[in-house]
PDB file of all heavy atoms in Angstrom:
ATOM      1  N   TYR A   1      74.446  94.702  95.285  1.00  0.00           N
ATOM      2  CA  TYR A   1      74.175  95.773  96.109  1.00  0.00           C
ATOM      3  C   TYR A   1      73.936  95.302  97.514  1.00  0.00           C
ATOM      4  O   TYR A   1      72.946  94.539  97.848  1.00  0.00           O
ATOM      5  CB  TYR A   1      72.887  96.598  95.604  1.00  0.00           C
ATOM      6  CG  TYR A   1      73.002  97.148  94.271  1.00  0.00           C
ATOM      7  CD1 TYR A   1      72.776  96.437  93.132  1.00  0.00           C
ATOM      8  CD2 TYR A   1      73.302  98.502  94.113  1.00  0.00           C
ATOM      9  CE1 TYR A   1      73.059  97.004  91.861  1.00  0.00           C
ATOM     10  CE2 TYR A   1      73.493  99.023  92.874  1.00  0.00           C
ATOM     11  CZ  TYR A   1      73.328  98.284  91.729  1.00  0.00           C
ATOM     12  OH  TYR A   1      73.532  98.838  90.590  1.00  0.00           O
ATOM     13  N   LEU A   2      74.815  95.544  98.459  1.00  0.00           N
ATOM     14  CA  LEU A   2      74.911  95.039  99.772  1.00  0.00           C
ATOM     15  C   LEU A   2      75.010  95.984 100.826  1.00  0.00           C
ATOM     16  O   LEU A   2      75.904  96.950 100.748  1.00  0.00           O
ATOM     17  CB  LEU A   2      76.072  93.998  99.840  1.00  0.00           C
ATOM     18  CG  LEU A   2      75.990  92.715  99.050  1.00  0.00           C
ATOM     19  CD1 LEU A   2      77.253  91.927  99.234  1.00  0.00           C
ATOM     20  CD2 LEU A   2      74.757  91.946  99.400  1.00  0.00           C
ATOM     21  N   GLY A   3      74.085  95.920 101.854  1.00  0.00           N
ATOM     22  CA  GLY A   3      74.199  96.784 102.931  1.00  0.00           C
ATOM     23  C   GLY A   3      75.042  96.206 104.014  1.00  0.00           C
ATOM     24  O   GLY A   3      74.935  94.925 104.360  1.00  0.00           O
ATOM     25  N   THR A   4      75.910  97.059 104.640  1.00  0.00           N
ATOM     26  CA  THR A   4      76.763  96.477 105.638  1.00  0.00           C
ATOM     27  C   THR A   4      77.063  97.519 106.666  1.00  0.00           C
ATOM     28  O   THR A   4      76.870  98.702 106.494  1.00  0.00           O
ATOM     29  CB  THR A   4      78.068  95.857 105.115  1.00  0.00           C
ATOM     30  OG1 THR A   4      78.863  95.268 106.036  1.00  0.00           O
ATOM     31  CG2 THR A   4      78.858  96.989 104.416  1.00  0.00           C
ATOM     32  N   MET A   5      77.562  97.171 107.819  1.00  0.00           N
ATOM     33  CA  MET A   5      77.931  98.010 108.872  1.00  0.00           C
ATOM     34  C   MET A   5      79.346  97.526 109.419  1.00  0.00           C
ATOM     35  O   MET A   5      79.723  96.442 109.385  1.00  0.00           O
ATOM     36  CB  MET A   5      76.971  98.105 110.019  1.00  0.00           C
ATOM     37  CG  MET A   5      75.664  98.583 109.625  1.00  0.00           C
ATOM     38  SD  MET A   5      74.412  98.627 110.844  1.00  0.00           S
ATOM     39  CE  MET A   5      75.009  99.788 111.985  1.00  0.00           C
ATOM     40  N   SER A   6      80.144  98.542 109.804  1.00  0.00           N
ATOM     41  CA  SER A   6      81.496  98.251 110.342  1.00  0.00           C
ATOM     42  C   SER A   6      81.411  97.430 111.560  1.00  0.00           C
ATOM     43  O   SER A   6      80.491  97.534 112.313  1.00  0.00           O
ATOM     44  CB  SER A   6      82.263  99.481 110.578  1.00  0.00           C
ATOM     45  OG  SER A   6      81.632 100.289 111.476  1.00  0.00           O
ATOM     46  N   SER A   7      82.403  96.663 111.875  1.00  0.00           N
ATOM     47  CA  SER A   7      82.428  95.750 113.023  1.00  0.00           C
ATOM     48  C   SER A   7      83.863  95.893 113.645  1.00  0.00           C
ATOM     49  O   SER A   7      84.760  96.497 113.004  1.00  0.00           O
ATOM     50  CB  SER A   7      82.213  94.348 112.652  1.00  0.00           C
ATOM     51  OG  SER A   7      83.303  93.731 112.015  1.00  0.00           O
ATOM     52  N   ASP A   8      83.900  95.385 114.798  1.00  0.00           N
ATOM     53  CA  ASP A   8      85.337  95.317 115.544  1.00  0.00           C
ATOM     54  C   ASP A   8      86.094  94.157 115.303  1.00  0.00           C
ATOM     55  O   ASP A   8      86.994  93.807 116.128  1.00  0.00           O
ATOM     56  CB  ASP A   8      85.114  95.733 117.023  1.00  0.00           C
ATOM     57  CG  ASP A   8      84.305  94.774 117.745  1.00  0.00           C
ATOM     58  OD1 ASP A   8      83.742  93.838 117.074  1.00  0.00           O
ATOM     59  OD2 ASP A   8      84.153  94.872 118.944  1.00  0.00           O
ATOM     60  N   TYR A   9      85.718  93.291 114.259  1.00  0.00           N
ATOM     61  CA  TYR A   9      86.360  92.002 114.046  1.00  0.00           C
ATOM     62  C   TYR A   9      87.865  92.147 114.070  1.00  0.00           C
ATOM     63  O   TYR A   9      88.658  91.387 114.591  1.00  0.00           O
ATOM     64  CB  TYR A   9      85.796  91.256 112.770  1.00  0.00           C
ATOM     65  CG  TYR A   9      86.404  89.872 112.711  1.00  0.00           C
ATOM     66  CD1 TYR A   9      86.132  88.884 113.394  1.00  0.00           C
ATOM     67  CD2 TYR A   9      87.316  89.728 111.610  1.00  0.00           C
ATOM     68  CE1 TYR A   9      86.671  87.660 113.191  1.00  0.00           C
ATOM     69  CE2 TYR A   9      88.079  88.456 111.399  1.00  0.00           C
ATOM     70  CZ  TYR A   9      87.663  87.346 112.203  1.00  0.00           C
ATOM     71  OH  TYR A   9      88.277  86.178 112.009  1.00  0.00           O
ATOM     72  N   GLY A  10      88.347  93.111 113.321  1.00  0.00           N
ATOM     73  CA  GLY A  10      89.670  93.310 113.103  1.00  0.00           C
ATOM     74  C   GLY A  10      90.524  93.526 114.377  1.00  0.00           C
ATOM     75  O   GLY A  10      91.640  93.204 114.574  1.00  0.00           O
ATOM     76  N   ASN A  11      89.654  94.251 115.241  1.00  0.00           N
ATOM     77  CA  ASN A  11      90.366  94.562 116.575  1.00  0.00           C
ATOM     78  C   ASN A  11      90.610  93.289 117.495  1.00  0.00           C
ATOM     79  O   ASN A  11      91.318  93.408 118.360  1.00  0.00           O
ATOM     80  CB  ASN A  11      89.568  95.645 117.378  1.00  0.00           C
ATOM     81  CG  ASN A  11      89.490  96.810 116.627  1.00  0.00           C
ATOM     82  OD1 ASN A  11      90.333  97.291 115.944  1.00  0.00           O
ATOM     83  ND2 ASN A  11      88.249  97.693 116.780  1.00  0.00           N
ATOM     84  N   GLN A  12      89.805  92.283 117.198  1.00  0.00           N
ATOM     85  CA  GLN A  12      89.945  91.084 117.994  1.00  0.00           C
ATOM     86  C   GLN A  12      91.057  90.177 117.571  1.00  0.00           C
ATOM     87  O   GLN A  12      91.456  89.233 118.249  1.00  0.00           O
ATOM     88  CB  GLN A  12      88.665  90.356 117.884  1.00  0.00           C
ATOM     89  CG  GLN A  12      87.336  91.040 118.100  1.00  0.00           C
ATOM     90  CD  GLN A  12      87.370  91.787 119.532  1.00  0.00           C
ATOM     91  OE1 GLN A  12      87.830  91.282 120.433  1.00  0.00           O
ATOM     92  NE2 GLN A  12      86.950  92.967 119.398  1.00  0.00           N
ATOM     93  N   GLN A  13      91.706  90.648 116.510  1.00  0.00           N
ATOM     94  CA  GLN A  13      92.897  89.745 116.022  1.00  0.00           C
ATOM     95  C   GLN A  13      94.213  90.128 116.628  1.00  0.00           C
ATOM     96  O   GLN A  13      95.294  89.723 116.290  1.00  0.00           O
ATOM     97  CB  GLN A  13      92.989  89.747 114.498  1.00  0.00           C
ATOM     98  CG  GLN A  13      91.696  89.296 113.845  1.00  0.00           C
ATOM     99  CD  GLN A  13      91.751  89.325 112.390  1.00  0.00           C
ATOM    100  OE1 GLN A  13      92.499  88.553 111.877  1.00  0.00           O
ATOM    101  NE2 GLN A  13      90.956  90.022 111.742  1.00  0.00           N
ATOM    102  N   GLY A  14      94.161  91.160 117.581  1.00  0.00           N
ATOM    103  CA  GLY A  14      95.388  91.509 118.220  1.00  0.00           C
ATOM    104  C   GLY A  14      96.131  92.671 117.433  1.00  0.00           C
ATOM    105  O   GLY A  14      95.702  93.096 116.422  1.00  0.00           O
ATOM    106  N   HIS A  15      97.144  93.008 117.862  1.00  0.00           N
ATOM    107  CA  HIS A  15      97.936  94.217 117.346  1.00  0.00           C
ATOM    108  C   HIS A  15      99.397  93.752 117.015  1.00  0.00           C
ATOM    109  O   HIS A  15     100.285  94.581 116.897  1.00  0.00           O
ATOM    110  CB  HIS A  15      98.024  95.408 118.193  1.00  0.00           C
ATOM    111  CG  HIS A  15      96.638  95.918 118.600  1.00  0.00           C
ATOM    112  ND1 HIS A  15      95.878  96.719 117.727  1.00  0.00           N
ATOM    113  CD2 HIS A  15      95.831  95.713 119.716  1.00  0.00           C
ATOM    114  CE1 HIS A  15      94.718  97.061 118.225  1.00  0.00           C
ATOM    115  NE2 HIS A  15      94.708  96.421 119.471  1.00  0.00           N
ATOM    116  N   ASP A  16      99.506  92.472 116.733  1.00  0.00           N
ATOM    117  CA  ASP A  16     100.768  91.917 116.304  1.00  0.00           C
ATOM    118  C   ASP A  16     101.186  92.388 114.948  1.00  0.00           C
ATOM    119  O   ASP A  16     100.407  92.220 113.982  1.00  0.00           O
ATOM    120  CB  ASP A  16     100.847  90.368 116.373  1.00  0.00           C
ATOM    121  CG  ASP A  16     102.195  89.872 116.013  1.00  0.00           C
ATOM    122  OD1 ASP A  16     103.117  90.617 115.703  1.00  0.00           O
ATOM    123  OD2 ASP A  16     102.296  88.571 116.167  1.00  0.00           O
ATOM    124  N   LEU A  17     102.276  93.134 114.836  1.00  0.00           N
ATOM    125  CA  LEU A  17     102.636  93.670 113.423  1.00  0.00           C
ATOM    126  C   LEU A  17     102.793  92.512 112.413  1.00  0.00           C
ATOM    127  O   LEU A  17     102.525  92.724 111.093  1.00  0.00           O
ATOM    128  CB  LEU A  17     103.955  94.426 113.588  1.00  0.00           C
ATOM    129  CG  LEU A  17     103.961  95.748 114.355  1.00  0.00           C
ATOM    130  CD1 LEU A  17     105.293  96.424 114.354  1.00  0.00           C
ATOM    131  CD2 LEU A  17     102.977  96.700 113.716  1.00  0.00           C
ATOM    132  N   ASP A  18     103.176  91.389 112.803  1.00  0.00           N
ATOM    133  CA  ASP A  18     103.260  90.208 111.841  1.00  0.00           C
ATOM    134  C   ASP A  18     101.933  89.820 111.252  1.00  0.00           C
ATOM    135  O   ASP A  18     102.009  89.320 110.166  1.00  0.00           O
ATOM    136  CB  ASP A  18     103.974  89.049 112.487  1.00  0.00           C
ATOM    137  CG  ASP A  18     105.438  89.272 112.956  1.00  0.00           C
ATOM    138  OD1 ASP A  18     106.059  90.102 112.289  1.00  0.00           O
ATOM    139  OD2 ASP A  18     105.857  88.686 113.895  1.00  0.00           O
ATOM    140  N   ALA A  19     100.927  90.094 111.930  1.00  0.00           N
ATOM    141  CA  ALA A  19      99.566  89.786 111.490  1.00  0.00           C
ATOM    142  C   ALA A  19      98.957  90.849 110.613  1.00  0.00           C
ATOM    143  O   ALA A  19      97.958  90.607 109.987  1.00  0.00           O
ATOM    144  CB  ALA A  19      98.652  89.506 112.692  1.00  0.00           C
ATOM    145  N   LEU A  20      99.576  92.061 110.553  1.00  0.00           N
ATOM    146  CA  LEU A  20      99.042  93.179 109.817  1.00  0.00           C
ATOM    147  C   LEU A  20      99.449  92.987 108.231  1.00  0.00           C
ATOM    148  O   LEU A  20     100.423  93.608 107.927  1.00  0.00           O
ATOM    149  CB  LEU A  20      99.422  94.520 110.374  1.00  0.00           C
ATOM    150  CG  LEU A  20      98.920  94.714 111.745  1.00  0.00           C
ATOM    151  CD1 LEU A  20      99.447  96.079 112.279  1.00  0.00           C
ATOM    152  CD2 LEU A  20      97.385  94.703 111.778  1.00  0.00           C
ATOM    153  N   ASP A  21      98.869  92.141 107.459  1.00  0.00           N
ATOM    154  CA  ASP A  21      99.161  92.028 106.086  1.00  0.00           C
ATOM    155  C   ASP A  21      98.005  92.633 105.267  1.00  0.00           C
ATOM    156  O   ASP A  21      97.075  93.146 105.773  1.00  0.00           O
ATOM    157  CB  ASP A  21      99.517  90.500 105.765  1.00  0.00           C
ATOM    158  CG  ASP A  21      98.338  89.628 106.152  1.00  0.00           C
ATOM    159  OD1 ASP A  21      97.155  90.115 106.295  1.00  0.00           O
ATOM    160  OD2 ASP A  21      98.569  88.399 106.338  1.00  0.00           O
ATOM    161  N   GLY A  22      98.062  92.406 103.985  1.00  0.00           N
ATOM    162  CA  GLY A  22      97.131  92.895 102.973  1.00  0.00           C
ATOM    163  C   GLY A  22      95.721  92.243 103.298  1.00  0.00           C
ATOM    164  O   GLY A  22      94.648  92.782 103.000  1.00  0.00           O
ATOM    165  N   TYR A  23      95.679  91.138 103.813  1.00  0.00           N
ATOM    166  CA  TYR A  23      94.380  90.334 104.112  1.00  0.00           C
ATOM    167  C   TYR A  23      93.605  91.095 105.160  1.00  0.00           C
ATOM    168  O   TYR A  23      92.352  91.102 105.141  1.00  0.00           O
ATOM    169  CB  TYR A  23      94.663  88.915 104.438  1.00  0.00           C
ATOM    170  CG  TYR A  23      95.276  88.010 103.289  1.00  0.00           C
ATOM    171  CD1 TYR A  23      96.167  87.028 103.637  1.00  0.00           C
ATOM    172  CD2 TYR A  23      94.948  88.171 102.003  1.00  0.00           C
ATOM    173  CE1 TYR A  23      96.743  86.210 102.703  1.00  0.00           C
ATOM    174  CE2 TYR A  23      95.495  87.489 101.036  1.00  0.00           C
ATOM    175  CZ  TYR A  23      96.385  86.446 101.293  1.00  0.00           C
ATOM    176  OH  TYR A  23      96.852  85.682 100.325  1.00  0.00           O
ATOM    177  N   VAL A  24      94.315  91.596 106.135  1.00  0.00           N
ATOM    178  CA  VAL A  24      93.696  92.257 107.230  1.00  0.00           C
ATOM    179  C   VAL A  24      92.907  93.520 106.759  1.00  0.00           C
ATOM    180  O   VAL A  24      91.721  93.720 107.144  1.00  0.00           O
ATOM    181  CB  VAL A  24      94.620  92.641 108.339  1.00  0.00           C
ATOM    182  CG1 VAL A  24      93.867  93.486 109.401  1.00  0.00           C
ATOM    183  CG2 VAL A  24      95.222  91.458 109.025  1.00  0.00           C
ATOM    184  N   SER A  25      93.490  94.174 105.891  1.00  0.00           N
ATOM    185  CA  SER A  25      92.921  95.503 105.355  1.00  0.00           C
ATOM    186  C   SER A  25      91.709  95.172 104.560  1.00  0.00           C
ATOM    187  O   SER A  25      90.604  95.801 104.729  1.00  0.00           O
ATOM    188  CB  SER A  25      93.925  96.478 104.725  1.00  0.00           C
ATOM    189  OG  SER A  25      94.370  95.760 103.553  1.00  0.00           O
ATOM    190  N   THR A  26      91.816  94.275 103.666  1.00  0.00           N
ATOM    191  CA  THR A  26      90.613  94.032 102.743  1.00  0.00           C
ATOM    192  C   THR A  26      89.634  93.187 103.483  1.00  0.00           C
ATOM    193  O   THR A  26      88.428  93.297 103.199  1.00  0.00           O
ATOM    194  CB  THR A  26      91.162  93.237 101.512  1.00  0.00           C
ATOM    195  OG1 THR A  26      91.738  91.979 101.880  1.00  0.00           O
ATOM    196  CG2 THR A  26      92.096  94.027 100.668  1.00  0.00           C
ATOM    197  N   GLY A  27      90.077  92.358 104.393  1.00  0.00           N
ATOM    198  CA  GLY A  27      89.131  91.523 105.099  1.00  0.00           C
ATOM    199  C   GLY A  27      88.311  92.244 106.111  1.00  0.00           C
ATOM    200  O   GLY A  27      87.222  91.773 106.483  1.00  0.00           O
ATOM    201  N   ASN A  28      88.581  93.526 106.449  1.00  0.00           N
ATOM    202  CA  ASN A  28      87.904  94.228 107.474  1.00  0.00           C
ATOM    203  C   ASN A  28      87.298  95.498 106.954  1.00  0.00           C
ATOM    204  O   ASN A  28      86.715  96.367 107.666  1.00  0.00           O
ATOM    205  CB  ASN A  28      88.680  94.473 108.672  1.00  0.00           C
ATOM    206  CG  ASN A  28      89.062  93.163 109.471  1.00  0.00           C
ATOM    207  OD1 ASN A  28      88.240  92.658 110.287  1.00  0.00           O
ATOM    208  ND2 ASN A  28      90.157  92.524 109.170  1.00  0.00           N
ATOM    209  N   ALA A  29      87.485  95.776 105.759  1.00  0.00           N
ATOM    210  CA  ALA A  29      86.945  97.042 104.999  1.00  0.00           C
ATOM    211  C   ALA A  29      85.533  96.711 104.549  1.00  0.00           C
ATOM    212  O   ALA A  29      85.382  95.782 103.673  1.00  0.00           O
ATOM    213  CB  ALA A  29      87.937  97.545 103.894  1.00  0.00           C
ATOM    214  N   SER A  30      84.537  97.293 105.124  1.00  0.00           N
ATOM    215  CA  SER A  30      83.172  97.093 104.741  1.00  0.00           C
ATOM    216  C   SER A  30      82.938  97.394 103.306  1.00  0.00           C
ATOM    217  O   SER A  30      82.089  96.779 102.724  1.00  0.00           O
ATOM    218  CB  SER A  30      82.210  97.912 105.635  1.00  0.00           C
ATOM    219  OG  SER A  30      82.447  99.290 105.512  1.00  0.00           O
ATOM    220  N   SER A  31      83.655  98.252 102.679  1.00  0.00           N
ATOM    221  CA  SER A  31      83.546  98.701 101.362  1.00  0.00           C
ATOM    222  C   SER A  31      83.791  97.569 100.380  1.00  0.00           C
ATOM    223  O   SER A  31      83.511  97.518  99.226  1.00  0.00           O
ATOM    224  CB  SER A  31      84.394  99.990 100.996  1.00  0.00           C
ATOM    225  OG  SER A  31      85.774  99.532 101.178  1.00  0.00           O
ATOM    226  N   VAL A  32      84.611  96.565 100.938  1.00  0.00           N
ATOM    227  CA  VAL A  32      85.003  95.492 100.014  1.00  0.00           C
ATOM    228  C   VAL A  32      83.856  94.443  99.830  1.00  0.00           C
ATOM    229  O   VAL A  32      84.018  93.515  98.885  1.00  0.00           O
ATOM    230  CB  VAL A  32      86.303  94.796 100.646  1.00  0.00           C
ATOM    231  CG1 VAL A  32      86.673  93.492  99.779  1.00  0.00           C
ATOM    232  CG2 VAL A  32      87.445  95.841 100.656  1.00  0.00           C
ATOM    233  N   VAL A  33      82.869  94.387 100.766  1.00  0.00           N
ATOM    234  CA  VAL A  33      81.869  93.276 100.743  1.00  0.00           C
ATOM    235  C   VAL A  33      81.298  92.935  99.346  1.00  0.00           C
ATOM    236  O   VAL A  33      81.276  91.835  98.878  1.00  0.00           O
ATOM    237  CB  VAL A  33      80.895  93.497 101.735  1.00  0.00           C
ATOM    238  CG1 VAL A  33      79.797  92.536 101.682  1.00  0.00           C
ATOM    239  CG2 VAL A  33      81.374  93.610 103.102  1.00  0.00           C
ATOM    240  N   SER A  34      80.832  94.034  98.728  1.00  0.00           N
ATOM    241  CA  SER A  34      80.072  93.792  97.371  1.00  0.00           C
ATOM    242  C   SER A  34      81.092  93.417  96.289  1.00  0.00           C
ATOM    243  O   SER A  34      80.836  92.463  95.545  1.00  0.00           O
ATOM    244  CB  SER A  34      79.463  95.045  96.905  1.00  0.00           C
ATOM    245  OG  SER A  34      80.359  96.208  96.826  1.00  0.00           O
ATOM    246  N   GLY A  35      82.346  94.019  96.390  1.00  0.00           N
ATOM    247  CA  GLY A  35      83.420  93.607  95.388  1.00  0.00           C
ATOM    248  C   GLY A  35      83.797  92.229  95.601  1.00  0.00           C
ATOM    249  O   GLY A  35      84.193  91.514  94.705  1.00  0.00           O
ATOM    250  N   ARG A  36      83.808  91.714  96.804  1.00  0.00           N
ATOM    251  CA  ARG A  36      84.264  90.375  97.182  1.00  0.00           C
ATOM    252  C   ARG A  36      83.203  89.305  96.447  1.00  0.00           C
ATOM    253  O   ARG A  36      83.736  88.404  95.761  1.00  0.00           O
ATOM    254  CB  ARG A  36      84.261  90.098  98.719  1.00  0.00           C
ATOM    255  CG  ARG A  36      84.433  88.702  99.079  1.00  0.00           C
ATOM    256  CD  ARG A  36      85.901  88.397  99.180  1.00  0.00           C
ATOM    257  NE  ARG A  36      86.523  89.120 100.276  1.00  0.00           N
ATOM    258  CZ  ARG A  36      87.864  88.982 100.581  1.00  0.00           C
ATOM    259  NH1 ARG A  36      88.590  88.071  99.859  1.00  0.00           N
ATOM    260  NH2 ARG A  36      88.398  89.526 101.639  1.00  0.00           N
TER     261      ARG A  36
END
């Protein structure tokens, strides 16, 4: 059971389409924290 808040970390990685893989979505979704 983990409390978390959204951050803008994903926005700091730029908007290069080559960088937008599956890791970006799971790595920046706060809902994933407990499941991780």
